[in-house]
C-alpha atoms as a PDB file:
ATOM      1  CA  MET A   1      -5.570   1.019  31.628  1.00  0.00           C
ATOM      2  CA  PRO A   2      -4.663  -2.704  32.235  1.00  0.00           C
ATOM      3  CA  ARG A   3      -3.092  -4.340  29.202  1.00  0.00           C
ATOM      4  CA  LEU A   4      -5.677  -7.119  29.060  1.00  0.00           C
ATOM      5  CA  LEU A   5      -8.505  -4.603  29.034  1.00  0.00           C
ATOM      6  CA  THR A   6      -6.811  -2.647  26.315  1.00  0.00           C
ATOM      7  CA  ILE A   7      -6.502  -5.774  24.121  1.00  0.00           C
ATOM      8  CA  TRP A   8     -10.183  -6.689  24.562  1.00  0.00           C
ATOM      9  CA  ILE A   9     -11.308  -3.186  23.716  1.00  0.00           C
ATOM     10  CA  LEU A  10      -9.156  -3.195  20.554  1.00  0.00           C
ATOM     11  CA  VAL A  11     -10.541  -6.601  19.602  1.00  0.00           C
ATOM     12  CA  GLY A  12     -14.131  -5.410  20.135  1.00  0.00           C
ATOM     13  CA  ILE A  13     -13.536  -2.280  17.999  1.00  0.00           C
ATOM     14  CA  ALA A  14     -12.016  -4.380  15.289  1.00  0.00           C
ATOM     15  CA  ILE A  15     -14.937  -6.885  15.231  1.00  0.00           C
ATOM     16  CA  LEU A  16     -17.395  -4.003  14.919  1.00  0.00           C
ATOM     17  CA  ALA A  17     -15.479  -2.320  12.176  1.00  0.00           C
ATOM     18  CA  THR A  18     -15.013  -5.591  10.380  1.00  0.00           C
ATOM     19  CA  SER A  19     -18.745  -5.674   9.817  1.00  0.00           C
ATOM     20  CA  MET A  20     -18.192  -2.587   7.628  1.00  0.00           C
ATOM     21  CA  ILE A  21     -16.145  -4.764   5.287  1.00  0.00           C
ATOM     22  CA  LEU A  22     -19.215  -6.908   4.701  1.00  0.00           C
ATOM     23  CA  SER A  23     -21.132  -3.869   3.391  1.00  0.00           C
ATOM     24  CA  PHE A  24     -18.658  -3.092   0.631  1.00  0.00           C
ATOM     25  CA  GLN A  25     -20.402  -2.637  -2.738  1.00  0.00           C
ATOM     26  CA  ALA A  26     -19.046  -4.501  -5.725  1.00  0.00           C
ATOM     27  CA  PRO A  27     -16.271  -2.613  -7.536  1.00  0.00           C
ATOM     28  CA  GLN A  28     -16.396  -1.444 -11.100  1.00  0.00           C
ATOM     29  CA  SER A  29     -14.804  -3.503 -13.829  1.00  0.00           C
ATOM     30  CA  ASP A  30     -11.308  -2.608 -14.969  1.00  0.00           C
ATOM     31  CA  ALA A  31     -12.173  -3.021 -18.643  1.00  0.00           C
ATOM     32  CA  ALA A  32     -11.341   0.237 -20.397  1.00  0.00           C
ATOM     33  CA  SER A  33     -14.372   1.839 -22.075  1.00  0.00           C
ATOM     34  CA  VAL A  34     -12.279   3.873 -24.508  1.00  0.00           C
ATOM     35  CA  SER A  35      -8.979   3.328 -26.316  1.00  0.00           C
ATOM     36  CA  PRO A  36      -6.224   4.712 -23.977  1.00  0.00           C
ATOM     37  CA  ALA A  37      -4.268   6.061 -26.949  1.00  0.00           C
ATOM     38  CA  THR A  38      -7.048   8.432 -27.751  1.00  0.00           C
ATOM     39  CA  ARG A  39      -7.164  10.030 -24.269  1.00  0.00           C
ATOM     40  CA  PRO A  40      -4.469  12.401 -23.029  1.00  0.00           C
ATOM     41  CA  ALA A  41      -3.285  12.236 -19.464  1.00  0.00           C
ATOM     42  CA  PRO A  42      -4.958  14.642 -16.916  1.00  0.00           C
ATOM     43  CA  LYS A  43      -3.484  18.085 -16.904  1.00  0.00           C
ATOM     44  CA  THR A  44      -3.195  18.611 -13.161  1.00  0.00           C
ATOM     45  CA  ARG A  45       0.420  18.022 -12.128  1.00  0.00           C
ATOM     46  CA  ILE A  46       2.023  17.889  -8.749  1.00  0.00           C
ATOM     47  CA  THR A  47       5.354  19.627  -8.384  1.00  0.00           C
ATOM     48  CA  TYR A  48       7.586  17.652  -6.080  1.00  0.00           C
ATOM     49  CA  LEU A  49      10.350  19.383  -4.110  1.00  0.00           C
ATOM     50  CA  PRO A  50      13.717  17.873  -3.151  1.00  0.00           C
ATOM     51  CA  SER A  51      13.543  15.003  -0.718  1.00  0.00           C
ATOM     52  CA  ARG A  52      14.335  15.397   2.994  1.00  0.00           C
ATOM     53  CA  GLY A  53      15.091  12.988   5.742  1.00  0.00           C
ATOM     54  CA  LEU A  54      12.671  13.355   8.546  1.00  0.00           C
ATOM     55  CA  CYS A  55      14.049  10.949  11.171  1.00  0.00           C
ATOM     56  CA  ILE A  56      15.491   7.545  12.040  1.00  0.00           C
ATOM     57  CA  LEU A  57      12.896   5.095  13.394  1.00  0.00           C
ATOM     58  CA  VAL A  58      13.467   4.531  17.095  1.00  0.00           C
ATOM     59  CA  ASN A  59      12.235   0.988  17.192  1.00  0.00           C
ATOM     60  CA  GLU A  60      15.180  -1.163  16.165  1.00  0.00           C
ATOM     61  CA  GLU A  61      12.864  -4.214  15.803  1.00  0.00           C
ATOM     62  CA  ILE A  62      11.962  -2.628  12.481  1.00  0.00           C
ATOM     63  CA  GLY A  63      14.992  -4.065  10.726  1.00  0.00           C
ATOM     64  CA  GLU A  64      13.534  -4.562   7.248  1.00  0.00           C
ATOM     65  CA  SER A  65      10.839  -2.028   6.647  1.00  0.00           C
ATOM     66  CA  SER A  66       9.266  -3.565   3.530  1.00  0.00           C
ATOM     67  CA  GLY A  67       5.887  -1.875   3.374  1.00  0.00           C
ATOM     68  CA  LEU A  68       4.640   1.524   4.422  1.00  0.00           C
ATOM     69  CA  ALA A  69       1.183   3.109   4.880  1.00  0.00           C
ATOM     70  CA  ALA A  70      -0.069   6.435   6.168  1.00  0.00           C
ATOM     71  CA  GLY A  71      -2.666   6.142   8.956  1.00  0.00           C
ATOM     72  CA  ARG A  72      -6.072   7.600   8.176  1.00  0.00           C
ATOM     73  CA  THR A  73      -7.800   6.857  11.513  1.00  0.00           C
ATOM     74  CA  ASN A  74      -4.699   8.126  13.342  1.00  0.00           C
ATOM     75  CA  LYS A  75      -3.430  11.542  12.112  1.00  0.00           C
ATOM     76  CA  GLY A  76       0.352  11.754  11.909  1.00  0.00           C
ATOM     77  CA  VAL A  77       0.839   8.000  12.206  1.00  0.00           C
ATOM     78  CA  PHE A  78       2.631   5.619   9.786  1.00  0.00           C
ATOM     79  CA  TRP A  79       2.412   1.845   9.692  1.00  0.00           C
ATOM     80  CA  THR A  80       5.132  -0.534   8.582  1.00  0.00           C
ATOM     81  CA  HIS A  81       6.115  -4.217   8.787  1.00  0.00           C
ATOM     82  CA  ASN A  82       9.173  -6.271   8.364  1.00  0.00           C
ATOM     83  CA  ASP A  83      10.086  -8.501   5.372  1.00  0.00           C
ATOM     84  CA  SER A  84       9.960 -12.295   5.606  1.00  0.00           C
ATOM     85  CA  GLY A  85      11.166 -13.914   8.873  1.00  0.00           C
ATOM     86  CA  ASP A  86       9.119 -11.854  11.304  1.00  0.00           C
ATOM     87  CA  ALA A  87       5.939 -12.609  13.162  1.00  0.00           C
ATOM     88  CA  PRO A  88       2.600 -11.293  11.762  1.00  0.00           C
ATOM     89  CA  ARG A  89       2.867  -7.853  13.305  1.00  0.00           C
ATOM     90  CA  ILE A  90       2.889  -4.218  12.249  1.00  0.00           C
ATOM     91  CA  PHE A  91       4.557  -1.159  13.810  1.00  0.00           C
ATOM     92  CA  ALA A  92       3.257   2.375  14.293  1.00  0.00           C
ATOM     93  CA  PHE A  93       5.462   5.475  14.391  1.00  0.00           C
ATOM     94  CA  ASN A  94       5.116   9.215  13.798  1.00  0.00           C
ATOM     95  CA  HIS A  95       7.030  11.895  11.746  1.00  0.00           C
ATOM     96  CA  ALA A  96       9.689  12.036  14.507  1.00  0.00           C
ATOM     97  CA  GLY A  97      10.234   8.242  14.334  1.00  0.00           C
ATOM     98  CA  ALA A  98       8.822   7.650  17.850  1.00  0.00           C
ATOM     99  CA  ASP A  99       7.835   4.039  18.665  1.00  0.00           C
ATOM    100  CA  LEU A 100       4.061   4.340  19.144  1.00  0.00           C
ATOM    101  CA  ALA A 101       3.034   0.697  19.120  1.00  0.00           C
ATOM    102  CA  SER A 102       3.456  -2.795  17.708  1.00  0.00           C
ATOM    103  CA  VAL A 103       0.341  -4.706  16.847  1.00  0.00           C
ATOM    104  CA  ARG A 104       0.238  -8.492  16.571  1.00  0.00           C
ATOM    105  CA  ILE A 105      -2.256  -9.651  13.944  1.00  0.00           C
ATOM    106  CA  THR A 106      -4.221 -12.715  14.951  1.00  0.00           C
ATOM    107  CA  GLY A 107      -5.644 -14.903  12.312  1.00  0.00           C
ATOM    108  CA  ALA A 108      -2.766 -14.115   9.919  1.00  0.00           C
ATOM    109  CA  SER A 109       0.488 -15.809   9.008  1.00  0.00           C
ATOM    110  CA  ALA A 110       3.655 -14.137   7.769  1.00  0.00           C
ATOM    111  CA  ARG A 111       5.270 -16.245   5.196  1.00  0.00           C
ATOM    112  CA  ASP A 112       6.694 -13.413   3.107  1.00  0.00           C
ATOM    113  CA  TRP A 113       5.039 -10.024   3.748  1.00  0.00           C
ATOM    114  CA  GLU A 114       6.245  -7.599   1.111  1.00  0.00           C
ATOM    115  CA  ASP A 115       3.883  -4.567   1.085  1.00  0.00           C
ATOM    116  CA  MET A 116       0.920  -2.929   2.725  1.00  0.00           C
ATOM    117  CA  CYS A 117      -1.493  -0.106   2.125  1.00  0.00           C
ATOM    118  CA  SER A 118      -4.194   1.963   3.795  1.00  0.00           C
ATOM    119  CA  PHE A 119      -7.525   2.866   2.288  1.00  0.00           C
ATOM    120  CA  ALA A 120     -10.813   4.355   3.393  1.00  0.00           C
ATOM    121  CA  ILE A 121     -14.311   3.182   2.413  1.00  0.00           C
ATOM    122  CA  GLY A 122     -17.538   4.444   3.847  1.00  0.00           C
ATOM    123  CA  GLY A 123     -15.681   6.738   6.268  1.00  0.00           C
ATOM    124  CA  LYS A 124     -13.761   3.810   7.798  1.00  0.00           C
ATOM    125  CA  SER A 125     -10.042   3.238   7.464  1.00  0.00           C
ATOM    126  CA  PHE A 126      -8.510  -0.147   6.727  1.00  0.00           C
ATOM    127  CA  LEU A 127      -5.099  -1.659   6.403  1.00  0.00           C
ATOM    128  CA  MET A 128      -4.182  -4.394   3.897  1.00  0.00           C
ATOM    129  CA  LEU A 129      -1.167  -6.576   4.513  1.00  0.00           C
ATOM    130  CA  ALA A 130       0.291  -8.451   1.523  1.00  0.00           C
ATOM    131  CA  ASP A 131       1.873 -11.938   1.914  1.00  0.00           C
ATOM    132  CA  ILE A 132       2.882 -11.973  -1.690  1.00  0.00           C
ATOM    133  CA  GLY A 133       6.658 -12.563  -1.821  1.00  0.00           C
ATOM    134  CA  ASP A 134       7.720 -15.481  -3.951  1.00  0.00           C
ATOM    135  CA  ASN A 135      11.378 -15.378  -4.765  1.00  0.00           C
ATOM    136  CA  ARG A 136      11.409 -18.955  -6.050  1.00  0.00           C
ATOM    137  CA  VAL A 137       8.192 -18.325  -8.067  1.00  0.00           C
ATOM    138  CA  PHE A 138       6.427 -21.469  -7.063  1.00  0.00           C
ATOM    139  CA  ARG A 139       3.559 -20.508  -4.726  1.00  0.00           C
ATOM    140  CA  LYS A 140       0.139 -21.776  -5.852  1.00  0.00           C
ATOM    141  CA  SER A 141      -1.627 -18.941  -4.026  1.00  0.00           C
ATOM    142  CA  CYS A 142      -0.830 -15.900  -1.924  1.00  0.00           C
ATOM    143  CA  SER A 143      -2.814 -14.093   0.835  1.00  0.00           C
ATOM    144  CA  LEU A 144      -3.931 -10.610   1.697  1.00  0.00           C
ATOM    145  CA  TYR A 145      -5.148  -9.636   5.167  1.00  0.00           C
ATOM    146  CA  VAL A 146      -7.569  -6.763   5.711  1.00  0.00           C
ATOM    147  CA  LEU A 147      -8.254  -5.249   9.103  1.00  0.00           C
ATOM    148  CA  PRO A 148      -9.667  -1.998  10.456  1.00  0.00           C
ATOM    149  CA  GLU A 149      -6.883   0.377  11.249  1.00  0.00           C
ATOM    150  CA  PRO A 150      -6.235   0.129  15.025  1.00  0.00           C
ATOM    151  CA  LYS A 151      -7.090   3.282  16.908  1.00  0.00           C
ATOM    152  CA  LEU A 152      -4.045   4.606  18.902  1.00  0.00           C
ATOM    153  CA  ASN A 153      -3.421   7.054  21.658  1.00  0.00           C
ATOM    154  CA  VAL A 154      -0.549   8.962  20.022  1.00  0.00           C
ATOM    155  CA  LYS A 155       0.551  10.337  23.323  1.00  0.00           C
ATOM    156  CA  GLN A 156       1.538   6.896  24.520  1.00  0.00           C
ATOM    157  CA  ARG A 157       4.772   5.071  23.430  1.00  0.00           C
ATOM    158  CA  GLY A 158       5.832   1.555  22.957  1.00  0.00           C
ATOM    159  CA  ARG A 159       2.494  -0.175  23.417  1.00  0.00           C
ATOM    160  CA  GLU A 160       2.037  -3.852  22.519  1.00  0.00           C
ATOM    161  CA  LEU A 161      -1.477  -4.556  21.116  1.00  0.00           C
ATOM    162  CA  ILE A 162      -3.436  -7.304  19.478  1.00  0.00           C
ATOM    163  CA  ALA A 163      -5.868  -6.976  16.594  1.00  0.00           C
ATOM    164  CA  PRO A 164      -7.678  -9.654  14.548  1.00  0.00           C
ATOM    165  CA  VAL A 165      -7.863  -9.989  10.822  1.00  0.00           C
ATOM    166  CA  GLY A 166     -11.147  -8.771   9.406  1.00  0.00           C
ATOM    167  CA  ALA A 167     -10.916 -10.592   6.082  1.00  0.00           C
ATOM    168  CA  THR A 168      -8.495 -12.977   4.461  1.00  0.00           C
ATOM    169  CA  ILE A 169      -8.196 -12.996   0.650  1.00  0.00           C
ATOM    170  CA  ASN A 170      -6.472 -15.929  -0.897  1.00  0.00           C
ATOM    171  CA  PHE A 171      -5.691 -15.470  -4.632  1.00  0.00           C
ATOM    172  CA  ARG A 172      -3.718 -16.655  -7.525  1.00  0.00           C
ATOM    173  CA  TYR A 173      -2.542 -15.105 -10.760  1.00  0.00           C
ATOM    174  CA  GLU A 174      -4.203 -16.098 -13.947  1.00  0.00           C
ATOM    175  CA  ASP A 175      -0.984 -16.963 -15.653  1.00  0.00           C
ATOM    176  CA  GLY A 176       0.947 -18.811 -12.923  1.00  0.00           C
ATOM    177  CA  ALA A 177       3.170 -17.838  -9.962  1.00  0.00           C
ATOM    178  CA  HIS A 178       4.866 -14.412  -9.779  1.00  0.00           C
ATOM    179  CA  ASN A 179       7.140 -12.691  -7.293  1.00  0.00           C
ATOM    180  CA  CYS A 180       5.443  -9.517  -6.184  1.00  0.00           C
ATOM    181  CA  GLU A 181       6.264  -6.673  -3.724  1.00  0.00           C
ATOM    182  CA  SER A 182       3.785  -4.024  -4.751  1.00  0.00           C
ATOM    183  CA  ILE A 183       0.109  -3.729  -3.854  1.00  0.00           C
ATOM    184  CA  ALA A 184      -2.454  -0.979  -3.602  1.00  0.00           C
ATOM    185  CA  VAL A 185      -6.235  -0.441  -3.389  1.00  0.00           C
ATOM    186  CA  ASP A 186      -8.186   2.048  -5.449  1.00  0.00           C
ATOM    187  CA  PRO A 187     -10.938   3.086  -2.947  1.00  0.00           C
ATOM    188  CA  ALA A 188     -12.883   4.776  -5.746  1.00  0.00           C
ATOM    189  CA  THR A 189     -13.460   1.558  -7.670  1.00  0.00           C
ATOM    190  CA  ARG A 190     -12.768  -0.803  -4.822  1.00  0.00           C
ATOM    191  CA  THR A 191     -10.170  -2.700  -6.754  1.00  0.00           C
ATOM    192  CA  ILE A 192      -6.911  -4.369  -5.642  1.00  0.00           C
ATOM    193  CA  TYR A 193      -3.822  -3.822  -7.866  1.00  0.00           C
ATOM    194  CA  LEU A 194      -0.502  -5.696  -7.843  1.00  0.00           C
ATOM    195  CA  VAL A 195       2.676  -5.127  -9.842  1.00  0.00           C
ATOM    196  CA  SER A 196       4.996  -8.153 -10.333  1.00  0.00           C
ATOM    197  CA  LYS A 197       8.687  -8.156  -9.743  1.00  0.00           C
ATOM    198  CA  ARG A 198       9.729 -10.880 -12.205  1.00  0.00           C
ATOM    199  CA  ARG A 199      12.189  -9.072 -14.539  1.00  0.00           C
ATOM    200  CA  PRO A 200      13.450  -5.592 -15.023  1.00  0.00           C
ATOM    201  CA  SER A 201      11.440  -3.544 -17.483  1.00  0.00           C
ATOM    202  CA  VAL A 202       8.690  -6.135 -17.669  1.00  0.00           C
ATOM    203  CA  CYS A 203       6.556  -5.494 -14.647  1.00  0.00           C
ATOM    204  CA  LYS A 204       2.993  -6.785 -15.117  1.00  0.00           C
ATOM    205  CA  VAL A 205      -0.080  -5.212 -13.490  1.00  0.00           C
ATOM    206  CA  TYR A 206      -2.797  -7.415 -12.116  1.00  0.00           C
ATOM    207  CA  ALA A 207      -6.252  -6.465 -10.754  1.00  0.00           C
ATOM    208  CA  MET A 208      -9.020  -8.081  -8.851  1.00  0.00           C
ATOM    209  CA  ALA A 209     -12.157  -6.870  -7.067  1.00  0.00           C
ATOM    210  CA  LEU A 210     -12.010  -6.095  -3.406  1.00  0.00           C
ATOM    211  CA  PRO A 211     -14.398  -8.778  -2.114  1.00  0.00           C
ATOM    212  CA  VAL A 212     -17.369  -7.970   0.116  1.00  0.00           C
ATOM    213  CA  LYS A 213     -16.156 -10.559   2.656  1.00  0.00           C
ATOM    214  CA  SER A 214     -13.606 -13.304   3.123  1.00  0.00           C
ATOM    215  CA  PRO A 215     -14.061 -15.350  -0.022  1.00  0.00           C
ATOM    216  CA  LYS A 216     -14.459 -19.076   0.404  1.00  0.00           C
ATOM    217  CA  LYS A 217     -12.660 -19.711  -2.925  1.00  0.00           C
ATOM    218  CA  THR A 218      -9.285 -18.601  -4.203  1.00  0.00           C
ATOM    219  CA  LEU A 219      -9.682 -15.493  -6.273  1.00  0.00           C
ATOM    220  CA  VAL A 220      -7.902 -14.818  -9.557  1.00  0.00           C
ATOM    221  CA  ALA A 221      -5.792 -11.718 -10.265  1.00  0.00           C
ATOM    222  CA  ARG A 222      -5.975 -10.908 -13.979  1.00  0.00           C
ATOM    223  CA  ALA A 223      -3.379  -9.005 -15.950  1.00  0.00           C
ATOM    224  CA  ILE A 224      -4.411  -5.587 -17.253  1.00  0.00           C
ATOM    225  CA  GLY A 225      -1.095  -4.159 -18.514  1.00  0.00           C
ATOM    226  CA  THR A 226       2.704  -4.128 -18.513  1.00  0.00           C
ATOM    227  CA  LEU A 227       4.959  -1.422 -17.106  1.00  0.00           C
ATOM    228  CA  ARG A 228       8.245  -0.763 -18.896  1.00  0.00           C
ATOM    229  CA  ILE A 229      10.128   0.245 -15.767  1.00  0.00           C
ATOM    230  CA  PRO A 230      12.913  -1.122 -13.505  1.00  0.00           C
ATOM    231  CA  THR A 231      12.052  -3.839 -10.920  1.00  0.00           C
ATOM    232  CA  ALA A 232       8.973  -2.744  -8.959  1.00  0.00           C
ATOM    233  CA  THR A 233       9.360  -2.939  -5.167  1.00  0.00           C
ATOM    234  CA  ALA A 234       6.489  -0.870  -3.835  1.00  0.00           C
ATOM    235  CA  MET A 235       3.203   0.802  -4.810  1.00  0.00           C
ATOM    236  CA  ASP A 236       0.421   3.047  -3.587  1.00  0.00           C
ATOM    237  CA  ILE A 237      -2.691   4.788  -4.987  1.00  0.00           C
ATOM    238  CA  SER A 238      -3.860   8.198  -3.855  1.00  0.00           C
ATOM    239  CA  PRO A 239      -7.015   8.441  -1.693  1.00  0.00           C
ATOM    240  CA  ASP A 240      -8.997   9.886  -4.662  1.00  0.00           C
ATOM    241  CA  GLY A 241      -7.951   6.859  -6.820  1.00  0.00           C
ATOM    242  CA  LEU A 242      -6.495   9.087  -9.571  1.00  0.00           C
ATOM    243  CA  ARG A 243      -2.725   8.704  -9.056  1.00  0.00           C
ATOM    244  CA  ALA A 244      -0.579   5.631  -8.660  1.00  0.00           C
ATOM    245  CA  VAL A 245       3.043   5.571  -7.719  1.00  0.00           C
ATOM    246  CA  VAL A 246       5.244   2.642  -8.201  1.00  0.00           C
ATOM    247  CA  GLY A 247       8.596   2.495  -6.362  1.00  0.00           C
ATOM    248  CA  THR A 248      11.795   0.773  -7.456  1.00  0.00           C
ATOM    249  CA  TYR A 249      15.296   0.440  -5.970  1.00  0.00           C
ATOM    250  CA  GLY A 250      16.093   3.581  -7.830  1.00  0.00           C
ATOM    251  CA  HIS A 251      13.292   6.166  -8.632  1.00  0.00           C
ATOM    252  CA  ALA A 252       9.527   6.094  -8.542  1.00  0.00           C
ATOM    253  CA  TYR A 253       7.069   6.230 -11.498  1.00  0.00           C
ATOM    254  CA  GLU A 254       3.824   8.044 -11.388  1.00  0.00           C
ATOM    255  CA  TYR A 255       0.746   7.026 -13.416  1.00  0.00           C
ATOM    256  CA  VAL A 256      -2.584   8.943 -13.570  1.00  0.00           C
ATOM    257  CA  ARG A 257      -6.033   8.227 -14.819  1.00  0.00           C
ATOM    258  CA  ARG A 258      -9.162  10.355 -15.492  1.00  0.00           C
ATOM    259  CA  PRO A 259     -12.237   9.913 -13.219  1.00  0.00           C
ATOM    260  CA  ASP A 260     -14.103   8.447 -16.202  1.00  0.00           C
ATOM    261  CA  GLU A 261     -11.572   5.799 -17.132  1.00  0.00           C
ATOM    262  CA  THR A 262      -9.939   2.737 -15.508  1.00  0.00           C
ATOM    263  CA  TRP A 263      -6.368   1.920 -14.491  1.00  0.00           C
ATOM    264  CA  LYS A 264      -6.018  -0.205 -17.614  1.00  0.00           C
ATOM    265  CA  ALA A 265      -5.992   3.112 -19.505  1.00  0.00           C
ATOM    266  CA  GLY A 266      -3.870   4.925 -16.842  1.00  0.00           C
ATOM    267  CA  PHE A 267      -1.179   2.236 -16.735  1.00  0.00           C
ATOM    268  CA  SER A 268      -0.934   2.191 -20.545  1.00  0.00           C
ATOM    269  CA  ARG A 269       0.549   5.733 -20.628  1.00  0.00           C
ATOM    270  CA  ASP A 270       4.193   6.584 -20.229  1.00  0.00           C
ATOM    271  CA  PRO A 271       4.895   7.326 -16.536  1.00  0.00           C
ATOM    272  CA  ARG A 272       6.377  10.370 -15.025  1.00  0.00           C
ATOM    273  CA  VAL A 273       9.648   9.783 -13.265  1.00  0.00           C
ATOM    274  CA  ILE A 274       9.894  11.004  -9.652  1.00  0.00           C
ATOM    275  CA  LYS A 275      13.518  11.160  -8.500  1.00  0.00           C
ATOM    276  CA  LEU A 276      14.117   9.456  -5.172  1.00  0.00           C
ATOM    277  CA  PRO A 277      17.240   9.684  -2.953  1.00  0.00           C
ATOM    278  CA  PHE A 278      19.567   6.794  -2.315  1.00  0.00           C
ATOM    279  CA  ARG A 279      18.272   4.199   0.105  1.00  0.00           C
ATOM    280  CA  THR A 280      20.116   1.109   1.264  1.00  0.00           C
ATOM    281  CA  GLN A 281      17.246  -1.096   0.005  1.00  0.00           C
ATOM    282  CA  GLY A 282      14.190   0.820  -0.922  1.00  0.00           C
ATOM    283  CA  GLU A 283      11.080  -1.389  -0.884  1.00  0.00           C
ATOM    284  CA  SER A 284       8.399   0.932   0.368  1.00  0.00           C
ATOM    285  CA  ILE A 285       6.486   3.993  -0.678  1.00  0.00           C
ATOM    286  CA  CYS A 286       3.144   5.677   0.215  1.00  0.00           C
ATOM    287  CA  PHE A 287       1.130   8.791  -0.241  1.00  0.00           C
ATOM    288  CA  GLY A 288       0.530  10.925   2.829  1.00  0.00           C
ATOM    289  CA  ARG A 289      -2.932  11.716   4.099  1.00  0.00           C
ATOM    290  CA  ASP A 290      -2.972  14.710   1.716  1.00  0.00           C
ATOM    291  CA  GLY A 291      -2.836  12.294  -1.263  1.00  0.00           C
ATOM    292  CA  ARG A 292       0.202  14.214  -2.684  1.00  0.00           C
ATOM    293  CA  THR A 293       3.229  14.089  -0.422  1.00  0.00           C
ATOM    294  CA  LEU A 294       5.260  10.869  -0.710  1.00  0.00           C
ATOM    295  CA  TYR A 295       7.055   8.951   2.078  1.00  0.00           C
ATOM    296  CA  LEU A 296       9.733   6.309   1.979  1.00  0.00           C
ATOM    297  CA  THR A 297      11.544   4.039   4.290  1.00  0.00           C
ATOM    298  CA  SER A 298      14.392   1.529   3.691  1.00  0.00           C
ATOM    299  CA  GLU A 299      15.297  -1.926   4.772  1.00  0.00           C
ATOM    300  CA  ASN A 300      18.290  -2.486   7.142  1.00  0.00           C
ATOM    301  CA  LEU A 301      19.190  -0.323  10.211  1.00  0.00           C
ATOM    302  CA  PRO A 302      19.148   2.500  10.889  1.00  0.00           C
ATOM    303  CA  ALA A 303      15.765   2.829   9.167  1.00  0.00           C
ATOM    304  CA  PRO A 304      15.007   6.266   7.859  1.00  0.00           C
ATOM    305  CA  LEU A 305      11.748   8.074   7.129  1.00  0.00           C
ATOM    306  CA  ILE A 306      12.120  10.225   4.048  1.00  0.00           C
ATOM    307  CA  GLN A 307       9.602  12.744   2.681  1.00  0.00           C
ATOM    308  CA  ILE A 308       9.132  13.884  -0.960  1.00  0.00           C
ATOM    309  CA  PRO A 309       7.260  17.191  -0.343  1.00  0.00           C
ATOM    310  CA  ALA A 310       4.622  18.349  -2.753  1.00  0.00           C
ATOM    311  CA  LYS A 311       4.478  21.998  -3.626  1.00  0.00           C
ATOM    312  CA  SER A 312       1.092  23.515  -2.939  1.00  0.00           C
ATOM    313  CA  PRO A 313      -1.153  24.130  -4.790  1.00  0.00           C
ATOM    314  CA  ALA A 314      -0.858  21.731  -7.770  1.00  0.00           C
ATOM    315  CA  THR A 315       0.125  23.405 -11.009  1.00  0.00           C
ATOM    316  CA  LYS A 316      -1.225  22.909 -14.515  1.00  0.00           C
ATOM    317  CA  PRO A 317       1.359  22.631 -17.321  1.00  0.00           C
ATOM    318  CA  SER A 318       0.943  24.737 -20.436  1.00  0.00           C
ATOM    319  CA  THR A 319      -1.070  23.155 -23.220  1.00  0.00           C
ATOM    320  CA  LYS A 320       0.766  25.152 -25.922  1.00  0.00           C
END
């Protein structure tokens, strides 16, 4: 298929799917309805097996993989982007590290992209790209870009595509500027969560509603809790919205919530530590399509894809 025709088809699909964004229902509030101290954590526990390296990413243009998301439209596909200094583009690869495509995002700028996530609403899959890096802690506002996940032909390799932004979300923090490298969307409540990277052991969690369309005004992300963990560098929330994993340069930390409570309660509990292997500079983590298996990359070349397998089925710890 001619490249120009491919681009226009992709643009058309994205515009059609963008209309789905406009039909989002308003998310639930993140105000906890019960005292988190009175509610125990959910009993279902995932048993994680030792990590294993799956591959080295073939595309050497991915020199600073700073965000990672599992494709939901495209089975077996992962998406990533580079840290600051690159164009507004994302890269697609598979479990073997094959270069599937690079997609330039029109209508977006790349000041300091630090994380990304995938989520599904109404049977449609979306990607969110987070321009939230602020090492000097002086930005008055940051930006999030939402677009329908581009549909790929996984049998093809090295394609260069173009896709437009579906929605742009400009926001600020309620208490001033923060450096941040961690973002996730809870599809169950349609809420955006961010974890700051200001100081070790004092990582603040912020939340704001996923808007029904590109807001005309700058939104406000409001603090809902503090995580006593090392410097946060990545984050994801499982497709069912009940598990959150926060990555650091060392290990990861898992938080859980019950279906009848909010993340304000879930993040108030002590986390479970998930041991991660050494990475040169680990700034990405995501759940796989199964919502249980974890995947990691690392900045700098060669860029690895690492899997933290989940033992199936999930086990329930003893209550004795």
